[in-house]
Amino acid sequence: TERKVAEKQSETLANDLSKVIDTANAPIFGIDTQGLVNEWNQKAAEITGFGKEEVMGRDLVQEFISAEFKSSVQRVLNNALLGHNTANFEFPLYTKGGRAVEVLLNATPRIDSN
């Protein structure tokens, strides 16, 4: 039926977009409305040393951002959750080895169509 074809096309598109995000040549991470990590691509894992399974469900700001940047990063992420974009916000993200890596953040809200 037409509905099944449309559902299959939607599923294929979603899978393709997930692959693009996961294999992008830039770190991509996402948080839910509670600030917990719900997306972490391969480049984010490569740069930080934290695998996806290690960061999923953890508080991004509290666990991976240095004290002096917690407030400003939280503000940028809160603004994104309210629907406001932020471009080119630079801050250090901590690696598994404790080293700070400078990250250029473009915070964009992800709109749930449901």
PDB file of N, CA and C in Angstrom:
ATOM      1  N   THR A   1       0.842  -1.191   0.000  1.00  0.00           N
ATOM      2  CA  THR A   1       0.000   0.000   0.000  1.00  0.00           C
ATOM      3  C   THR A   1       0.884   1.251   0.000  1.00  0.00           C
ATOM      4  N   GLU A   2       0.247   2.362  -0.321  1.00  0.00           N
ATOM      5  CA  GLU A   2       0.969   3.632  -0.364  1.00  0.00           C
ATOM      6  C   GLU A   2       1.517   4.004   1.010  1.00  0.00           C
ATOM      7  N   ARG A   3       0.769   3.703   2.034  1.00  0.00           N
ATOM      8  CA  ARG A   3       1.204   4.037   3.394  1.00  0.00           C
ATOM      9  C   ARG A   3       2.485   3.287   3.754  1.00  0.00           C
ATOM     10  N   LYS A   4       2.548   2.020   3.416  1.00  0.00           N
ATOM     11  CA  LYS A   4       3.746   1.230   3.718  1.00  0.00           C
ATOM     12  C   LYS A   4       4.957   1.736   2.951  1.00  0.00           C
ATOM     13  N   VAL A   5       4.746   2.151   1.719  1.00  0.00           N
ATOM     14  CA  VAL A   5       5.833   2.704   0.904  1.00  0.00           C
ATOM     15  C   VAL A   5       6.329   4.004   1.549  1.00  0.00           C
ATOM     16  N   ALA A   6       5.410   4.856   1.976  1.00  0.00           N
ATOM     17  CA  ALA A   6       5.773   6.124   2.608  1.00  0.00           C
ATOM     18  C   ALA A   6       6.513   5.880   3.924  1.00  0.00           C
ATOM     19  N   GLU A   7       6.054   4.898   4.704  1.00  0.00           N
ATOM     20  CA  GLU A   7       6.723   4.571   5.964  1.00  0.00           C
ATOM     21  C   GLU A   7       8.134   4.062   5.709  1.00  0.00           C
ATOM     22  N   LYS A   8       8.301   3.250   4.696  1.00  0.00           N
ATOM     23  CA  LYS A   8       9.622   2.718   4.343  1.00  0.00           C
ATOM     24  C   LYS A   8      10.548   3.850   3.890  1.00  0.00           C
ATOM     25  N   GLN A   9      10.014   4.775   3.091  1.00  0.00           N
ATOM     26  CA  GLN A   9      10.818   5.918   2.647  1.00  0.00           C
ATOM     27  C   GLN A   9      11.238   6.787   3.829  1.00  0.00           C
ATOM     28  N   SER A  10      10.338   7.002   4.767  1.00  0.00           N
ATOM     29  CA  SER A  10      10.648   7.798   5.957  1.00  0.00           C
ATOM     30  C   SER A  10      11.724   7.105   6.794  1.00  0.00           C
ATOM     31  N   GLU A  11      11.614   5.806   6.931  1.00  0.00           N
ATOM     32  CA  GLU A  11      12.598   5.033   7.694  1.00  0.00           C
ATOM     33  C   GLU A  11      13.972   5.089   7.020  1.00  0.00           C
ATOM     34  N   THR A  12      13.996   4.972   5.705  1.00  0.00           N
ATOM     35  CA  THR A  12      15.247   5.044   4.958  1.00  0.00           C
ATOM     36  C   THR A  12      15.887   6.420   5.112  1.00  0.00           C
ATOM     37  N   LEU A  13      15.088   7.462   5.002  1.00  0.00           N
ATOM     38  CA  LEU A  13      15.594   8.829   5.163  1.00  0.00           C
ATOM     39  C   LEU A  13      16.153   9.042   6.568  1.00  0.00           C
ATOM     40  N   ALA A  14      15.442   8.572   7.582  1.00  0.00           N
ATOM     41  CA  ALA A  14      15.910   8.715   8.965  1.00  0.00           C
ATOM     42  C   ALA A  14      17.241   7.988   9.157  1.00  0.00           C
ATOM     43  N   ASN A  15      17.368   6.800   8.602  1.00  0.00           N
ATOM     44  CA  ASN A  15      18.618   6.047   8.705  1.00  0.00           C
ATOM     45  C   ASN A  15      19.755   6.770   7.990  1.00  0.00           C
ATOM     46  N   ASP A  16      19.466   7.308   6.816  1.00  0.00           N
ATOM     47  CA  ASP A  16      20.483   8.047   6.063  1.00  0.00           C
ATOM     48  C   ASP A  16      20.952   9.278   6.832  1.00  0.00           C
ATOM     49  N   LEU A  17      20.021  10.017   7.423  1.00  0.00           N
ATOM     50  CA  LEU A  17      20.382  11.205   8.189  1.00  0.00           C
ATOM     51  C   LEU A  17      21.189  10.840   9.434  1.00  0.00           C
ATOM     52  N   SER A  18      20.847   9.743  10.071  1.00  0.00           N
ATOM     53  CA  SER A  18      21.609   9.279  11.232  1.00  0.00           C
ATOM     54  C   SER A  18      23.042   8.954  10.842  1.00  0.00           C
ATOM     55  N   LYS A  19      23.215   8.336   9.675  1.00  0.00           N
ATOM     56  CA  LYS A  19      24.561   8.010   9.192  1.00  0.00           C
ATOM     57  C   LYS A  19      25.366   9.278   8.906  1.00  0.00           C
ATOM     58  N   VAL A  20      24.713  10.283   8.307  1.00  0.00           N
ATOM     59  CA  VAL A  20      25.389  11.550   8.014  1.00  0.00           C
ATOM     60  C   VAL A  20      25.874  12.192   9.314  1.00  0.00           C
ATOM     61  N   ILE A  21      25.026  12.233  10.315  1.00  0.00           N
ATOM     62  CA  ILE A  21      25.394  12.813  11.605  1.00  0.00           C
ATOM     63  C   ILE A  21      26.538  12.021  12.233  1.00  0.00           C
ATOM     64  N   ASP A  22      26.406  10.714  12.249  1.00  0.00           N
ATOM     65  CA  ASP A  22      27.398   9.886  12.921  1.00  0.00           C
ATOM     66  C   ASP A  22      28.770   9.944  12.261  1.00  0.00           C
ATOM     67  N   THR A  23      28.808  10.099  10.956  1.00  0.00           N
ATOM     68  CA  THR A  23      30.087  10.070  10.239  1.00  0.00           C
ATOM     69  C   THR A  23      30.580  11.456   9.809  1.00  0.00           C
ATOM     70  N   ALA A  24      29.917  12.513  10.247  1.00  0.00           N
ATOM     71  CA  ALA A  24      30.325  13.874   9.880  1.00  0.00           C
ATOM     72  C   ALA A  24      31.753  14.142  10.342  1.00  0.00           C
ATOM     73  N   ASN A  25      32.439  14.993   9.612  1.00  0.00           N
ATOM     74  CA  ASN A  25      33.819  15.333   9.931  1.00  0.00           C
ATOM     75  C   ASN A  25      33.894  16.491  10.933  1.00  0.00           C
ATOM     76  N   ALA A  26      32.911  16.566  11.802  1.00  0.00           N
ATOM     77  CA  ALA A  26      32.860  17.571  12.864  1.00  0.00           C
ATOM     78  C   ALA A  26      32.168  16.914  14.055  1.00  0.00           C
ATOM     79  N   PRO A  27      32.544  17.301  15.258  1.00  0.00           N
ATOM     80  CA  PRO A  27      31.858  16.719  16.416  1.00  0.00           C
ATOM     81  C   PRO A  27      30.409  17.205  16.465  1.00  0.00           C
ATOM     82  N   ILE A  28      29.511  16.268  16.616  1.00  0.00           N
ATOM     83  CA  ILE A  28      28.097  16.600  16.750  1.00  0.00           C
ATOM     84  C   ILE A  28      27.588  15.887  17.990  1.00  0.00           C
ATOM     85  N   PHE A  29      26.998  16.674  18.880  1.00  0.00           N
ATOM     86  CA  PHE A  29      26.389  16.073  20.065  1.00  0.00           C
ATOM     87  C   PHE A  29      25.058  16.745  20.312  1.00  0.00           C
ATOM     88  N   GLY A  30      24.191  16.037  20.973  1.00  0.00           N
ATOM     89  CA  GLY A  30      22.872  16.573  21.285  1.00  0.00           C
ATOM     90  C   GLY A  30      22.533  16.303  22.730  1.00  0.00           C
ATOM     91  N   ILE A  31      21.631  17.121  23.247  1.00  0.00           N
ATOM     92  CA  ILE A  31      21.132  16.934  24.604  1.00  0.00           C
ATOM     93  C   ILE A  31      19.610  16.946  24.575  1.00  0.00           C
ATOM     94  N   ASP A  32      19.030  16.349  25.593  1.00  0.00           N
ATOM     95  CA  ASP A  32      17.577  16.413  25.725  1.00  0.00           C
ATOM     96  C   ASP A  32      17.223  17.638  26.564  1.00  0.00           C
ATOM     97  N   THR A  33      15.967  17.795  26.910  1.00  0.00           N
ATOM     98  CA  THR A  33      15.529  18.985  27.647  1.00  0.00           C
ATOM     99  C   THR A  33      16.085  19.036  29.068  1.00  0.00           C
ATOM    100  N   GLN A  34      16.618  17.927  29.552  1.00  0.00           N
ATOM    101  CA  GLN A  34      17.229  17.885  30.885  1.00  0.00           C
ATOM    102  C   GLN A  34      18.738  18.141  30.831  1.00  0.00           C
ATOM    103  N   GLY A  35      19.272  18.313  29.611  1.00  0.00           N
ATOM    104  CA  GLY A  35      20.703  18.538  29.459  1.00  0.00           C
ATOM    105  C   GLY A  35      21.519  17.259  29.378  1.00  0.00           C
ATOM    106  N   LEU A  36      20.831  16.131  29.231  1.00  0.00           N
ATOM    107  CA  LEU A  36      21.519  14.845  29.160  1.00  0.00           C
ATOM    108  C   LEU A  36      21.856  14.508  27.710  1.00  0.00           C
ATOM    109  N   VAL A  37      23.044  14.000  27.500  1.00  0.00           N
ATOM    110  CA  VAL A  37      23.510  13.681  26.147  1.00  0.00           C
ATOM    111  C   VAL A  37      22.619  12.608  25.525  1.00  0.00           C
ATOM    112  N   ASN A  38      22.121  12.896  24.309  1.00  0.00           N
ATOM    113  CA  ASN A  38      21.319  11.915  23.587  1.00  0.00           C
ATOM    114  C   ASN A  38      21.815  11.701  22.159  1.00  0.00           C
ATOM    115  N   GLU A  39      22.909  12.379  21.821  1.00  0.00           N
ATOM    116  CA  GLU A  39      23.559  12.189  20.512  1.00  0.00           C
ATOM    117  C   GLU A  39      25.040  12.464  20.695  1.00  0.00           C
ATOM    118  N   TRP A  40      25.880  11.633  20.076  1.00  0.00           N
ATOM    119  CA  TRP A  40      27.337  11.769  20.205  1.00  0.00           C
ATOM    120  C   TRP A  40      27.930  11.048  19.015  1.00  0.00           C
ATOM    121  N   ASN A  41      28.416  11.811  18.041  1.00  0.00           N
ATOM    122  CA  ASN A  41      28.887  11.155  16.821  1.00  0.00           C
ATOM    123  C   ASN A  41      30.329  10.669  16.940  1.00  0.00           C
ATOM    124  N   GLN A  42      30.809  10.014  15.881  1.00  0.00           N
ATOM    125  CA  GLN A  42      32.142   9.419  15.890  1.00  0.00           C
ATOM    126  C   GLN A  42      33.244  10.460  16.069  1.00  0.00           C
ATOM    127  N   LYS A  43      33.091  11.646  15.484  1.00  0.00           N
ATOM    128  CA  LYS A  43      34.109  12.684  15.602  1.00  0.00           C
ATOM    129  C   LYS A  43      34.162  13.216  17.038  1.00  0.00           C
ATOM    130  N   ALA A  44      33.027  13.341  17.688  1.00  0.00           N
ATOM    131  CA  ALA A  44      33.015  13.758  19.098  1.00  0.00           C
ATOM    132  C   ALA A  44      33.755  12.714  19.936  1.00  0.00           C
ATOM    133  N   ALA A  45      33.536  11.448  19.634  1.00  0.00           N
ATOM    134  CA  ALA A  45      34.231  10.372  20.352  1.00  0.00           C
ATOM    135  C   ALA A  45      35.731  10.422  20.086  1.00  0.00           C
ATOM    136  N   GLU A  46      36.104  10.651  18.840  1.00  0.00           N
ATOM    137  CA  GLU A  46      37.524  10.714  18.468  1.00  0.00           C
ATOM    138  C   GLU A  46      38.230  11.872  19.174  1.00  0.00           C
ATOM    139  N   ILE A  47      37.608  13.038  19.198  1.00  0.00           N
ATOM    140  CA  ILE A  47      38.216  14.225  19.786  1.00  0.00           C
ATOM    141  C   ILE A  47      38.312  14.133  21.307  1.00  0.00           C
ATOM    142  N   THR A  48      37.278  13.597  21.949  1.00  0.00           N
ATOM    143  CA  THR A  48      37.246  13.584  23.409  1.00  0.00           C
ATOM    144  C   THR A  48      37.793  12.300  24.022  1.00  0.00           C
ATOM    145  N   GLY A  49      37.776  11.214  23.248  1.00  0.00           N
ATOM    146  CA  GLY A  49      38.184   9.928  23.809  1.00  0.00           C
ATOM    147  C   GLY A  49      37.046   9.213  24.522  1.00  0.00           C
ATOM    148  N   PHE A  50      35.895   9.862  24.632  1.00  0.00           N
ATOM    149  CA  PHE A  50      34.714   9.247  25.243  1.00  0.00           C
ATOM    150  C   PHE A  50      33.862   8.618  24.151  1.00  0.00           C
ATOM    151  N   GLY A  51      33.615   7.332  24.251  1.00  0.00           N
ATOM    152  CA  GLY A  51      32.736   6.666  23.304  1.00  0.00           C
ATOM    153  C   GLY A  51      31.287   7.041  23.560  1.00  0.00           C
ATOM    154  N   LYS A  52      30.468   6.832  22.556  1.00  0.00           N
ATOM    155  CA  LYS A  52      29.045   7.166  22.657  1.00  0.00           C
ATOM    156  C   LYS A  52      28.400   6.515  23.876  1.00  0.00           C
ATOM    157  N   GLU A  53      28.726   5.242  24.087  1.00  0.00           N
ATOM    158  CA  GLU A  53      28.121   4.515  25.208  1.00  0.00           C
ATOM    159  C   GLU A  53      28.535   5.088  26.562  1.00  0.00           C
ATOM    160  N   GLU A  54      29.667   5.776  26.616  1.00  0.00           N
ATOM    161  CA  GLU A  54      30.142   6.366  27.873  1.00  0.00           C
ATOM    162  C   GLU A  54      29.453   7.678  28.219  1.00  0.00           C
ATOM    163  N   VAL A  55      28.952   8.389  27.225  1.00  0.00           N
ATOM    164  CA  VAL A  55      28.395   9.718  27.480  1.00  0.00           C
ATOM    165  C   VAL A  55      26.873   9.774  27.429  1.00  0.00           C
ATOM    166  N   MET A  56      26.259   8.825  26.764  1.00  0.00           N
ATOM    167  CA  MET A  56      24.799   8.855  26.639  1.00  0.00           C
ATOM    168  C   MET A  56      24.141   8.880  28.021  1.00  0.00           C
ATOM    169  N   GLY A  57      23.220   9.835  28.183  1.00  0.00           N
ATOM    170  CA  GLY A  57      22.474   9.950  29.432  1.00  0.00           C
ATOM    171  C   GLY A  57      23.187  10.737  30.522  1.00  0.00           C
ATOM    172  N   ARG A  58      24.395  11.204  30.244  1.00  0.00           N
ATOM    173  CA  ARG A  58      25.141  11.991  31.236  1.00  0.00           C
ATOM    174  C   ARG A  58      24.915  13.481  30.986  1.00  0.00           C
ATOM    175  N   ASP A  59      25.061  14.271  32.048  1.00  0.00           N
ATOM    176  CA  ASP A  59      24.845  15.713  31.970  1.00  0.00           C
ATOM    177  C   ASP A  59      26.046  16.364  31.278  1.00  0.00           C
ATOM    178  N   LEU A  60      25.819  16.916  30.090  1.00  0.00           N
ATOM    179  CA  LEU A  60      26.901  17.481  29.288  1.00  0.00           C
ATOM    180  C   LEU A  60      27.632  18.598  30.028  1.00  0.00           C
ATOM    181  N   VAL A  61      26.892  19.571  30.514  1.00  0.00           N
ATOM    182  CA  VAL A  61      27.513  20.750  31.130  1.00  0.00           C
ATOM    183  C   VAL A  61      28.202  20.388  32.443  1.00  0.00           C
ATOM    184  N   GLN A  62      27.527  19.649  33.287  1.00  0.00           N
ATOM    185  CA  GLN A  62      28.084  19.352  34.613  1.00  0.00           C
ATOM    186  C   GLN A  62      29.294  18.420  34.552  1.00  0.00           C
ATOM    187  N   GLU A  63      29.328  17.530  33.570  1.00  0.00           N
ATOM    188  CA  GLU A  63      30.383  16.517  33.548  1.00  0.00           C
ATOM    189  C   GLU A  63      31.497  16.755  32.535  1.00  0.00           C
ATOM    190  N   PHE A  64      31.264  17.590  31.538  1.00  0.00           N
ATOM    191  CA  PHE A  64      32.248  17.717  30.468  1.00  0.00           C
ATOM    192  C   PHE A  64      32.706  19.158  30.187  1.00  0.00           C
ATOM    193  N   ILE A  65      32.206  20.107  30.947  1.00  0.00           N
ATOM    194  CA  ILE A  65      32.546  21.513  30.729  1.00  0.00           C
ATOM    195  C   ILE A  65      33.243  22.042  31.980  1.00  0.00           C
ATOM    196  N   SER A  66      34.317  22.810  31.789  1.00  0.00           N
ATOM    197  CA  SER A  66      35.062  23.358  32.921  1.00  0.00           C
ATOM    198  C   SER A  66      34.202  24.373  33.683  1.00  0.00           C
ATOM    199  N   ALA A  67      34.519  24.539  34.953  1.00  0.00           N
ATOM    200  CA  ALA A  67      33.727  25.392  35.852  1.00  0.00           C
ATOM    201  C   ALA A  67      33.508  26.795  35.296  1.00  0.00           C
ATOM    202  N   GLU A  68      34.557  27.398  34.732  1.00  0.00           N
ATOM    203  CA  GLU A  68      34.428  28.786  34.266  1.00  0.00           C
ATOM    204  C   GLU A  68      33.535  28.940  33.038  1.00  0.00           C
ATOM    205  N   PHE A  69      33.213  27.834  32.365  1.00  0.00           N
ATOM    206  CA  PHE A  69      32.361  27.911  31.180  1.00  0.00           C
ATOM    207  C   PHE A  69      30.978  27.288  31.379  1.00  0.00           C
ATOM    208  N   LYS A  70      30.752  26.655  32.526  1.00  0.00           N
ATOM    209  CA  LYS A  70      29.466  25.977  32.765  1.00  0.00           C
ATOM    210  C   LYS A  70      28.279  26.917  32.549  1.00  0.00           C
ATOM    211  N   SER A  71      28.357  28.101  33.138  1.00  0.00           N
ATOM    212  CA  SER A  71      27.240  29.046  33.070  1.00  0.00           C
ATOM    213  C   SER A  71      26.966  29.497  31.635  1.00  0.00           C
ATOM    214  N   SER A  72      28.006  29.889  30.914  1.00  0.00           N
ATOM    215  CA  SER A  72      27.800  30.393  29.549  1.00  0.00           C
ATOM    216  C   SER A  72      27.355  29.292  28.597  1.00  0.00           C
ATOM    217  N   VAL A  73      27.918  28.091  28.740  1.00  0.00           N
ATOM    218  CA  VAL A  73      27.500  26.973  27.881  1.00  0.00           C
ATOM    219  C   VAL A  73      26.054  26.601  28.199  1.00  0.00           C
ATOM    220  N   GLN A  74      25.707  26.565  29.475  1.00  0.00           N
ATOM    221  CA  GLN A  74      24.330  26.250  29.869  1.00  0.00           C
ATOM    222  C   GLN A  74      23.358  27.261  29.277  1.00  0.00           C
ATOM    223  N   ARG A  75      23.731  28.527  29.289  1.00  0.00           N
ATOM    224  CA  ARG A  75      22.878  29.586  28.736  1.00  0.00           C
ATOM    225  C   ARG A  75      22.657  29.370  27.230  1.00  0.00           C
ATOM    226  N   VAL A  76      23.734  29.055  26.502  1.00  0.00           N
ATOM    227  CA  VAL A  76      23.622  28.809  25.059  1.00  0.00           C
ATOM    228  C   VAL A  76      22.704  27.609  24.797  1.00  0.00           C
ATOM    229  N   LEU A  77      22.883  26.539  25.565  1.00  0.00           N
ATOM    230  CA  LEU A  77      22.053  25.345  25.363  1.00  0.00           C
ATOM    231  C   LEU A  77      20.597  25.606  25.751  1.00  0.00           C
ATOM    232  N   ASN A  78      20.386  26.341  26.820  1.00  0.00           N
ATOM    233  CA  ASN A  78      19.013  26.693  27.218  1.00  0.00           C
ATOM    234  C   ASN A  78      18.341  27.517  26.122  1.00  0.00           C
ATOM    235  N   ASN A  79      19.082  28.450  25.543  1.00  0.00           N
ATOM    236  CA  ASN A  79      18.526  29.250  24.450  1.00  0.00           C
ATOM    237  C   ASN A  79      18.136  28.368  23.266  1.00  0.00           C
ATOM    238  N   ALA A  80      18.973  27.387  22.949  1.00  0.00           N
ATOM    239  CA  ALA A  80      18.638  26.464  21.855  1.00  0.00           C
ATOM    240  C   ALA A  80      17.364  25.693  22.177  1.00  0.00           C
ATOM    241  N   LEU A  81      17.237  25.274  23.431  1.00  0.00           N
ATOM    242  CA  LEU A  81      16.029  24.546  23.831  1.00  0.00           C
ATOM    243  C   LEU A  81      14.788  25.429  23.749  1.00  0.00           C
ATOM    244  N   LEU A  82      14.997  26.745  23.820  1.00  0.00           N
ATOM    245  CA  LEU A  82      13.882  27.690  23.683  1.00  0.00           C
ATOM    246  C   LEU A  82      13.640  28.089  22.228  1.00  0.00           C
ATOM    247  N   GLY A  83      14.454  27.526  21.312  1.00  0.00           N
ATOM    248  CA  GLY A  83      14.249  27.784  19.894  1.00  0.00           C
ATOM    249  C   GLY A  83      15.172  28.819  19.286  1.00  0.00           C
ATOM    250  N   HIS A  84      16.187  29.255  20.034  1.00  0.00           N
ATOM    251  CA  HIS A  84      17.105  30.286  19.549  1.00  0.00           C
ATOM    252  C   HIS A  84      18.449  29.684  19.145  1.00  0.00           C
ATOM    253  N   ASN A  85      18.916  30.022  17.960  1.00  0.00           N
ATOM    254  CA  ASN A  85      20.208  29.551  17.467  1.00  0.00           C
ATOM    255  C   ASN A  85      21.341  30.376  18.061  1.00  0.00           C
ATOM    256  N   THR A  86      22.493  29.728  18.227  1.00  0.00           N
ATOM    257  CA  THR A  86      23.728  30.425  18.582  1.00  0.00           C
ATOM    258  C   THR A  86      24.796  29.904  17.647  1.00  0.00           C
ATOM    259  N   ALA A  87      25.555  30.807  17.037  1.00  0.00           N
ATOM    260  CA  ALA A  87      26.599  30.399  16.102  1.00  0.00           C
ATOM    261  C   ALA A  87      27.971  30.802  16.625  1.00  0.00           C
ATOM    262  N   ASN A  88      28.931  29.915  16.377  1.00  0.00           N
ATOM    263  CA  ASN A  88      30.349  30.186  16.648  1.00  0.00           C
ATOM    264  C   ASN A  88      30.658  30.571  18.092  1.00  0.00           C
ATOM    265  N   PHE A  89      30.117  29.810  19.021  1.00  0.00           N
ATOM    266  CA  PHE A  89      30.415  30.002  20.439  1.00  0.00           C
ATOM    267  C   PHE A  89      31.557  29.043  20.795  1.00  0.00           C
ATOM    268  N   GLU A  90      32.685  29.596  21.214  1.00  0.00           N
ATOM    269  CA  GLU A  90      33.870  28.776  21.483  1.00  0.00           C
ATOM    270  C   GLU A  90      33.995  28.480  22.977  1.00  0.00           C
ATOM    271  N   PHE A  91      34.262  27.210  23.299  1.00  0.00           N
ATOM    272  CA  PHE A  91      34.452  26.813  24.691  1.00  0.00           C
ATOM    273  C   PHE A  91      35.277  25.531  24.744  1.00  0.00           C
ATOM    274  N   PRO A  92      35.893  25.237  25.899  1.00  0.00           N
ATOM    275  CA  PRO A  92      36.667  24.007  26.028  1.00  0.00           C
ATOM    276  C   PRO A  92      35.786  22.836  26.480  1.00  0.00           C
ATOM    277  N   LEU A  93      35.986  21.715  25.848  1.00  0.00           N
ATOM    278  CA  LEU A  93      35.307  20.464  26.194  1.00  0.00           C
ATOM    279  C   LEU A  93      36.385  19.528  26.718  1.00  0.00           C
ATOM    280  N   TYR A  94      36.137  18.887  27.848  1.00  0.00           N
ATOM    281  CA  TYR A  94      37.164  18.031  28.432  1.00  0.00           C
ATOM    282  C   TYR A  94      37.226  16.655  27.782  1.00  0.00           C
ATOM    283  N   THR A  95      38.449  16.187  27.587  1.00  0.00           N
ATOM    284  CA  THR A  95      38.666  14.851  27.025  1.00  0.00           C
ATOM    285  C   THR A  95      38.711  13.841  28.163  1.00  0.00           C
ATOM    286  N   LYS A  96      38.717  12.592  27.786  1.00  0.00           N
ATOM    287  CA  LYS A  96      38.806  11.517  28.765  1.00  0.00           C
ATOM    288  C   LYS A  96      40.105  11.622  29.564  1.00  0.00           C
ATOM    289  N   GLY A  97      41.166  12.118  28.942  1.00  0.00           N
ATOM    290  CA  GLY A  97      42.446  12.290  29.615  1.00  0.00           C
ATOM    291  C   GLY A  97      42.541  13.565  30.442  1.00  0.00           C
ATOM    292  N   GLY A  98      41.460  14.350  30.497  1.00  0.00           N
ATOM    293  CA  GLY A  98      41.445  15.564  31.302  1.00  0.00           C
ATOM    294  C   GLY A  98      41.948  16.805  30.594  1.00  0.00           C
ATOM    295  N   ARG A  99      42.250  16.675  29.316  1.00  0.00           N
ATOM    296  CA  ARG A  99      42.736  17.812  28.531  1.00  0.00           C
ATOM    297  C   ARG A  99      41.540  18.597  27.985  1.00  0.00           C
ATOM    298  N   ALA A 100      41.682  19.914  27.926  1.00  0.00           N
ATOM    299  CA  ALA A 100      40.621  20.756  27.360  1.00  0.00           C
ATOM    300  C   ALA A 100      40.847  20.895  25.856  1.00  0.00           C
ATOM    301  N   VAL A 101      39.800  20.678  25.067  1.00  0.00           N
ATOM    302  CA  VAL A 101      39.867  20.863  23.618  1.00  0.00           C
ATOM    303  C   VAL A 101      38.888  21.969  23.259  1.00  0.00           C
ATOM    304  N   GLU A 102      39.369  22.935  22.496  1.00  0.00           N
ATOM    305  CA  GLU A 102      38.505  24.050  22.089  1.00  0.00           C
ATOM    306  C   GLU A 102      37.491  23.557  21.056  1.00  0.00           C
ATOM    307  N   VAL A 103      36.242  23.852  21.306  1.00  0.00           N
ATOM    308  CA  VAL A 103      35.144  23.444  20.427  1.00  0.00           C
ATOM    309  C   VAL A 103      34.397  24.697  19.988  1.00  0.00           C
ATOM    310  N   LEU A 104      34.028  24.736  18.741  1.00  0.00           N
ATOM    311  CA  LEU A 104      33.219  25.825  18.214  1.00  0.00           C
ATOM    312  C   LEU A 104      31.787  25.309  18.135  1.00  0.00           C
ATOM    313  N   LEU A 105      30.928  25.865  18.950  1.00  0.00           N
ATOM    314  CA  LEU A 105      29.560  25.367  19.086  1.00  0.00           C
ATOM    315  C   LEU A 105      28.596  26.177  18.238  1.00  0.00           C
ATOM    316  N   ASN A 106      27.800  25.467  17.481  1.00  0.00           N
ATOM    317  CA  ASN A 106      26.644  26.041  16.800  1.00  0.00           C
ATOM    318  C   ASN A 106      25.443  25.314  17.384  1.00  0.00           C
ATOM    319  N   ALA A 107      24.709  25.985  18.241  1.00  0.00           N
ATOM    320  CA  ALA A 107      23.578  25.371  18.932  1.00  0.00           C
ATOM    321  C   ALA A 107      22.302  25.673  18.167  1.00  0.00           C
ATOM    322  N   THR A 108      21.638  24.615  17.755  1.00  0.00           N
ATOM    323  CA  THR A 108      20.418  24.726  16.973  1.00  0.00           C
ATOM    324  C   THR A 108      19.352  23.820  17.575  1.00  0.00           C
ATOM    325  N   PRO A 109      18.159  24.321  17.764  1.00  0.00           N
ATOM    326  CA  PRO A 109      17.112  23.461  18.307  1.00  0.00           C
ATOM    327  C   PRO A 109      16.708  22.385  17.302  1.00  0.00           C
ATOM    328  N   ARG A 110      16.427  21.197  17.814  1.00  0.00           N
ATOM    329  CA  ARG A 110      15.890  20.140  16.969  1.00  0.00           C
ATOM    330  C   ARG A 110      14.398  20.097  17.276  1.00  0.00           C
ATOM    331  N   ILE A 111      13.622  20.334  16.272  1.00  0.00           N
ATOM    332  CA  ILE A 111      12.180  20.402  16.439  1.00  0.00           C
ATOM    333  C   ILE A 111      11.586  19.010  16.266  1.00  0.00           C
ATOM    334  N   ASP A 112      10.858  18.576  17.299  1.00  0.00           N
ATOM    335  CA  ASP A 112      10.194  17.271  17.242  1.00  0.00           C
ATOM    336  C   ASP A 112       8.862  17.464  16.526  1.00  0.00           C
ATOM    337  N   SER A 113       8.692  16.752  15.449  1.00  0.00           N
ATOM    338  CA  SER A 113       7.480  16.926  14.643  1.00  0.00           C
ATOM    339  C   SER A 113       6.278  16.222  15.248  1.00  0.00           C
ATOM    340  N   ASN A 114       6.479  15.457  16.312  1.00  0.00           N
ATOM    341  CA  ASN A 114       5.340  14.750  16.933  1.00  0.00           C
ATOM    342  C   ASN A 114       4.653  15.599  17.963  1.00  0.00           C
TER     343      ASN A 114
END
